[in-house]
Amino acid sequence: MDITLIAIAIFIFIAIVFLALFLFKSINKQSFTAEDGSIFDTQSDLDLYQNLYDKTKPLFSSDDENASTQLILGFEKLFLSKLTGEGFPDLKTLIKYRKQFKSLSDLINA
């Protein structure tokens, strides 16, 4: 037999073994799904995400639902609209909302 044919056969065999191991590992993997469809590997990651999701959910509600309120969870509506849509085009705008960013960081890291 030719040495090239043997090398190709060994390479194909090794590739099939690794593919089988990968498929077997992914079949037995348990995953946890949050109510918004996010998938996590552990229950503790899911619980942490779900808690944060419940705390921050009002930040992402539509403007129509909260048309009468100026503050949502202590955040200005203009800050939230920039955060979720428009963005912060320059340093001046970022500095203007630095206290809001600090509050958001505290909310997420609590």
N, C-alpha and C. Protein backbone atom coordinates (compact mmCIF):
# COMPACT_ATOMS: atom_id res chain seq x y z
N MET A 1 0.84 -1.19 0.00
CA MET A 1 0.00 0.00 0.00
C MET A 1 0.88 1.24 0.00
N ASP A 2 0.27 2.23 -0.50
CA ASP A 2 0.96 3.50 -0.59
C ASP A 2 0.90 4.24 0.76
N ILE A 3 1.96 4.90 1.18
CA ILE A 3 2.03 5.62 2.46
C ILE A 3 1.03 6.78 2.51
N THR A 4 0.75 7.41 1.38
CA THR A 4 -0.20 8.52 1.32
C THR A 4 -1.61 8.03 1.63
N LEU A 5 -1.97 6.89 1.09
CA LEU A 5 -3.29 6.31 1.35
C LEU A 5 -3.46 5.96 2.82
N ILE A 6 -2.42 5.42 3.43
CA ILE A 6 -2.48 5.09 4.85
C ILE A 6 -2.62 6.36 5.69
N ALA A 7 -1.90 7.41 5.36
CA ALA A 7 -1.98 8.68 6.09
C ALA A 7 -3.37 9.29 5.98
N ILE A 8 -3.95 9.24 4.80
CA ILE A 8 -5.31 9.77 4.60
C ILE A 8 -6.32 8.96 5.42
N ALA A 9 -6.17 7.65 5.43
CA ALA A 9 -7.09 6.79 6.19
C ALA A 9 -6.98 7.08 7.69
N ILE A 10 -5.77 7.26 8.19
CA ILE A 10 -5.57 7.58 9.61
C ILE A 10 -6.18 8.94 9.94
N PHE A 11 -5.98 9.91 9.09
CA PHE A 11 -6.54 11.25 9.30
C PHE A 11 -8.07 11.19 9.33
N ILE A 12 -8.69 10.47 8.40
CA ILE A 12 -10.15 10.35 8.37
C ILE A 12 -10.65 9.63 9.62
N PHE A 13 -9.95 8.59 10.07
CA PHE A 13 -10.34 7.88 11.28
C PHE A 13 -10.29 8.79 12.50
N ILE A 14 -9.22 9.55 12.65
CA ILE A 14 -9.09 10.48 13.77
C ILE A 14 -10.19 11.54 13.72
N ALA A 15 -10.50 12.06 12.54
CA ALA A 15 -11.56 13.06 12.40
C ALA A 15 -12.92 12.49 12.80
N ILE A 16 -13.19 11.25 12.43
CA ILE A 16 -14.46 10.60 12.79
C ILE A 16 -14.54 10.39 14.30
N VAL A 17 -13.44 10.01 14.93
CA VAL A 17 -13.42 9.82 16.38
C VAL A 17 -13.70 11.13 17.10
N PHE A 18 -13.04 12.22 16.68
CA PHE A 18 -13.28 13.51 17.31
C PHE A 18 -14.71 14.00 17.08
N LEU A 19 -15.25 13.78 15.91
CA LEU A 19 -16.63 14.16 15.61
C LEU A 19 -17.60 13.37 16.50
N ALA A 20 -17.36 12.10 16.66
CA ALA A 20 -18.22 11.27 17.51
C ALA A 20 -18.15 11.72 18.97
N LEU A 21 -16.96 12.04 19.46
CA LEU A 21 -16.82 12.54 20.83
C LEU A 21 -17.55 13.87 21.01
N PHE A 22 -17.42 14.75 20.06
CA PHE A 22 -18.09 16.05 20.13
C PHE A 22 -19.61 15.87 20.14
N LEU A 23 -20.14 15.04 19.27
CA LEU A 23 -21.58 14.81 19.21
C LEU A 23 -22.10 14.16 20.48
N PHE A 24 -21.36 13.20 21.02
CA PHE A 24 -21.76 12.53 22.25
C PHE A 24 -21.79 13.53 23.41
N LYS A 25 -20.80 14.39 23.49
CA LYS A 25 -20.73 15.38 24.56
C LYS A 25 -21.88 16.38 24.45
N SER A 26 -22.22 16.82 23.26
CA SER A 26 -23.29 17.81 23.10
C SER A 26 -24.67 17.21 23.32
N ILE A 27 -24.83 15.91 23.11
CA ILE A 27 -26.12 15.26 23.33
C ILE A 27 -26.43 15.20 24.83
N ASN A 28 -25.42 14.92 25.65
CA ASN A 28 -25.62 14.78 27.09
C ASN A 28 -25.60 16.10 27.85
N LYS A 29 -25.37 17.19 27.18
CA LYS A 29 -25.25 18.48 27.84
C LYS A 29 -26.64 19.01 28.22
N GLN A 30 -26.79 19.39 29.49
CA GLN A 30 -28.06 19.92 29.98
C GLN A 30 -28.00 21.44 29.90
N SER A 31 -29.08 22.07 29.46
CA SER A 31 -29.12 23.52 29.38
C SER A 31 -30.36 24.04 30.08
N PHE A 32 -30.29 25.28 30.52
CA PHE A 32 -31.38 25.92 31.23
C PHE A 32 -31.80 27.14 30.44
N THR A 33 -33.11 27.32 30.25
CA THR A 33 -33.63 28.39 29.41
C THR A 33 -34.39 29.41 30.25
N ALA A 34 -34.07 30.69 30.04
CA ALA A 34 -34.77 31.78 30.73
C ALA A 34 -36.08 32.06 30.01
N GLU A 35 -36.92 32.87 30.64
CA GLU A 35 -38.23 33.16 30.05
C GLU A 35 -38.13 33.97 28.76
N ASP A 36 -37.00 34.66 28.52
CA ASP A 36 -36.84 35.42 27.28
C ASP A 36 -36.13 34.61 26.20
N GLY A 37 -35.80 33.35 26.49
CA GLY A 37 -35.19 32.48 25.49
C GLY A 37 -33.69 32.33 25.62
N SER A 38 -33.04 33.06 26.52
CA SER A 38 -31.60 32.93 26.72
C SER A 38 -31.29 31.56 27.32
N ILE A 39 -30.18 30.96 26.89
CA ILE A 39 -29.82 29.61 27.32
C ILE A 39 -28.54 29.67 28.15
N PHE A 40 -28.54 28.91 29.26
CA PHE A 40 -27.42 28.89 30.18
C PHE A 40 -27.02 27.45 30.48
N ASP A 41 -25.74 27.27 30.86
CA ASP A 41 -25.22 25.94 31.16
C ASP A 41 -25.56 25.48 32.57
N THR A 42 -25.69 26.42 33.51
CA THR A 42 -25.95 26.04 34.90
C THR A 42 -27.18 26.76 35.44
N GLN A 43 -27.77 26.17 36.45
CA GLN A 43 -28.94 26.76 37.09
C GLN A 43 -28.58 28.06 37.79
N SER A 44 -27.39 28.14 38.37
CA SER A 44 -27.00 29.37 39.08
C SER A 44 -26.85 30.55 38.11
N ASP A 45 -26.31 30.30 36.89
CA ASP A 45 -26.22 31.36 35.89
C ASP A 45 -27.62 31.81 35.46
N LEU A 46 -28.52 30.86 35.32
CA LEU A 46 -29.90 31.19 34.96
C LEU A 46 -30.56 32.03 36.05
N ASP A 47 -30.39 31.64 37.31
CA ASP A 47 -30.99 32.38 38.42
C ASP A 47 -30.45 33.80 38.50
N LEU A 48 -29.14 33.97 38.32
CA LEU A 48 -28.52 35.29 38.33
C LEU A 48 -29.07 36.16 37.21
N TYR A 49 -29.16 35.58 36.00
CA TYR A 49 -29.68 36.32 34.86
C TYR A 49 -31.15 36.67 35.07
N GLN A 50 -31.94 35.74 35.55
CA GLN A 50 -33.37 35.98 35.73
C GLN A 50 -33.61 37.09 36.75
N ASN A 51 -32.83 37.11 37.81
CA ASN A 51 -32.94 38.16 38.82
C ASN A 51 -32.61 39.52 38.22
N LEU A 52 -31.52 39.59 37.46
CA LEU A 52 -31.14 40.84 36.81
C LEU A 52 -32.17 41.25 35.76
N TYR A 53 -32.69 40.29 35.04
CA TYR A 53 -33.71 40.56 34.02
C TYR A 53 -34.97 41.16 34.65
N ASP A 54 -35.39 40.59 35.78
CA ASP A 54 -36.58 41.10 36.45
C ASP A 54 -36.37 42.51 36.98
N LYS A 55 -35.14 42.80 37.49
CA LYS A 55 -34.86 44.13 38.02
C LYS A 55 -34.79 45.19 36.92
N THR A 56 -34.27 44.84 35.75
CA THR A 56 -34.05 45.83 34.69
C THR A 56 -35.13 45.84 33.61
N LYS A 57 -36.08 44.97 33.68
CA LYS A 57 -37.13 44.88 32.65
C LYS A 57 -37.84 46.22 32.41
N PRO A 58 -38.16 47.00 33.46
CA PRO A 58 -38.83 48.29 33.20
C PRO A 58 -37.99 49.28 32.39
N LEU A 59 -36.68 49.11 32.38
CA LEU A 59 -35.82 50.02 31.62
C LEU A 59 -36.06 49.90 30.12
N PHE A 60 -36.48 48.75 29.68
CA PHE A 60 -36.63 48.49 28.26
C PHE A 60 -38.08 48.45 27.80
N SER A 61 -38.99 48.89 28.66
CA SER A 61 -40.40 48.93 28.26
C SER A 61 -40.60 50.07 27.27
N SER A 62 -41.65 49.99 26.50
CA SER A 62 -41.89 50.99 25.47
C SER A 62 -42.23 52.34 26.10
N ASP A 63 -41.99 53.41 25.35
CA ASP A 63 -42.27 54.77 25.83
C ASP A 63 -43.75 55.00 26.04
N ASP A 64 -44.58 54.30 25.30
CA ASP A 64 -46.03 54.49 25.43
C ASP A 64 -46.54 54.04 26.79
N GLU A 65 -45.93 52.99 27.33
CA GLU A 65 -46.38 52.46 28.62
C GLU A 65 -46.08 53.43 29.76
N ASN A 66 -44.99 54.17 29.66
CA ASN A 66 -44.56 55.05 30.73
C ASN A 66 -44.55 56.51 30.28
N ALA A 67 -45.52 56.91 29.48
CA ALA A 67 -45.54 58.25 28.91
C ALA A 67 -45.66 59.33 29.98
N SER A 68 -46.29 59.03 31.11
CA SER A 68 -46.54 60.04 32.12
C SER A 68 -45.38 60.19 33.12
N THR A 69 -44.49 59.21 33.20
CA THR A 69 -43.43 59.27 34.20
C THR A 69 -42.16 59.87 33.62
N GLN A 70 -41.45 60.66 34.42
CA GLN A 70 -40.18 61.25 34.00
C GLN A 70 -39.01 60.32 34.35
N LEU A 71 -39.14 59.58 35.45
CA LEU A 71 -38.08 58.68 35.88
C LEU A 71 -38.57 57.23 35.86
N ILE A 72 -37.70 56.34 35.43
CA ILE A 72 -38.00 54.91 35.45
C ILE A 72 -36.87 54.26 36.23
N LEU A 73 -37.18 53.69 37.38
CA LEU A 73 -36.20 53.10 38.28
C LEU A 73 -35.09 54.08 38.64
N GLY A 74 -35.41 55.36 38.66
CA GLY A 74 -34.43 56.39 39.01
C GLY A 74 -33.62 56.89 37.84
N PHE A 75 -33.92 56.45 36.63
CA PHE A 75 -33.19 56.88 35.44
C PHE A 75 -34.04 57.84 34.62
N GLU A 76 -33.40 58.87 34.06
CA GLU A 76 -34.11 59.82 33.21
C GLU A 76 -34.51 59.12 31.90
N LYS A 77 -35.67 59.48 31.38
CA LYS A 77 -36.15 58.86 30.15
C LYS A 77 -35.23 59.17 28.97
N LEU A 78 -34.64 60.38 28.95
CA LEU A 78 -33.73 60.74 27.86
C LEU A 78 -32.48 59.85 27.89
N PHE A 79 -31.97 59.58 29.08
CA PHE A 79 -30.82 58.68 29.22
C PHE A 79 -31.17 57.28 28.71
N LEU A 80 -32.34 56.79 29.07
CA LEU A 80 -32.75 55.45 28.64
C LEU A 80 -32.94 55.38 27.13
N SER A 81 -33.48 56.44 26.53
CA SER A 81 -33.66 56.42 25.07
C SER A 81 -32.31 56.44 24.37
N LYS A 82 -31.35 57.18 24.91
CA LYS A 82 -30.01 57.17 24.32
C LYS A 82 -29.34 55.82 24.53
N LEU A 83 -29.54 55.24 25.69
CA LEU A 83 -28.93 53.95 26.02
C LEU A 83 -29.45 52.84 25.12
N THR A 84 -30.75 52.82 24.88
CA THR A 84 -31.34 51.72 24.12
C THR A 84 -31.47 51.98 22.63
N GLY A 85 -31.25 53.21 22.19
CA GLY A 85 -31.44 53.45 20.77
C GLY A 85 -30.44 54.38 20.13
N GLU A 86 -30.48 55.63 20.51
CA GLU A 86 -29.71 56.66 19.82
C GLU A 86 -28.21 56.53 20.04
N GLY A 87 -27.79 56.19 21.24
CA GLY A 87 -26.37 56.11 21.56
C GLY A 87 -25.84 57.42 22.09
N PHE A 88 -24.58 57.44 22.41
CA PHE A 88 -23.92 58.60 22.98
C PHE A 88 -22.85 59.05 21.99
N PRO A 89 -23.14 60.11 21.24
CA PRO A 89 -22.27 60.47 20.12
C PRO A 89 -20.94 61.10 20.50
N ASP A 90 -20.81 61.67 21.71
CA ASP A 90 -19.57 62.35 22.06
C ASP A 90 -19.29 62.26 23.55
N LEU A 91 -18.11 62.70 23.92
CA LEU A 91 -17.69 62.64 25.32
C LEU A 91 -18.54 63.55 26.21
N LYS A 92 -18.95 64.67 25.68
CA LYS A 92 -19.77 65.61 26.45
C LYS A 92 -21.07 64.95 26.92
N THR A 93 -21.69 64.20 26.05
CA THR A 93 -22.94 63.51 26.39
C THR A 93 -22.69 62.42 27.42
N LEU A 94 -21.60 61.69 27.27
CA LEU A 94 -21.26 60.66 28.25
C LEU A 94 -21.04 61.26 29.64
N ILE A 95 -20.33 62.36 29.70
CA ILE A 95 -20.05 62.99 30.99
C ILE A 95 -21.33 63.55 31.60
N LYS A 96 -22.22 64.04 30.75
CA LYS A 96 -23.50 64.56 31.25
C LYS A 96 -24.27 63.49 32.00
N TYR A 97 -24.18 62.26 31.55
CA TYR A 97 -24.94 61.16 32.15
C TYR A 97 -24.08 60.25 33.02
N ARG A 98 -22.94 60.70 33.52
CA ARG A 98 -22.05 59.84 34.29
C ARG A 98 -22.70 59.30 35.55
N LYS A 99 -23.54 60.09 36.21
CA LYS A 99 -24.22 59.60 37.42
C LYS A 99 -25.24 58.52 37.07
N GLN A 100 -25.88 58.67 35.91
CA GLN A 100 -26.83 57.66 35.46
C GLN A 100 -26.10 56.34 35.16
N PHE A 101 -24.92 56.44 34.53
CA PHE A 101 -24.13 55.24 34.25
C PHE A 101 -23.69 54.57 35.55
N LYS A 102 -23.31 55.35 36.52
CA LYS A 102 -22.91 54.80 37.82
C LYS A 102 -24.09 54.07 38.46
N SER A 103 -25.27 54.68 38.39
CA SER A 103 -26.47 54.04 38.96
C SER A 103 -26.79 52.74 38.22
N LEU A 104 -26.65 52.74 36.91
CA LEU A 104 -26.90 51.53 36.11
C LEU A 104 -25.89 50.44 36.48
N SER A 105 -24.63 50.82 36.64
CA SER A 105 -23.61 49.86 37.04
C SER A 105 -23.92 49.29 38.42
N ASP A 106 -24.35 50.13 39.35
CA ASP A 106 -24.70 49.66 40.68
C ASP A 106 -25.89 48.70 40.62
N LEU A 107 -26.87 48.99 39.77
CA LEU A 107 -28.05 48.13 39.64
C LEU A 107 -27.66 46.76 39.09
N ILE A 108 -26.79 46.75 38.10
CA ILE A 108 -26.40 45.49 37.47
C ILE A 108 -25.51 44.68 38.40
N ASN A 109 -24.63 45.33 39.11
CA ASN A 109 -23.66 44.61 39.95
C ASN A 109 -24.17 44.31 41.35
N ALA A 110 -25.39 44.73 41.68
CA ALA A 110 -25.92 44.49 43.02
C ALA A 110 -26.32 43.05 43.22
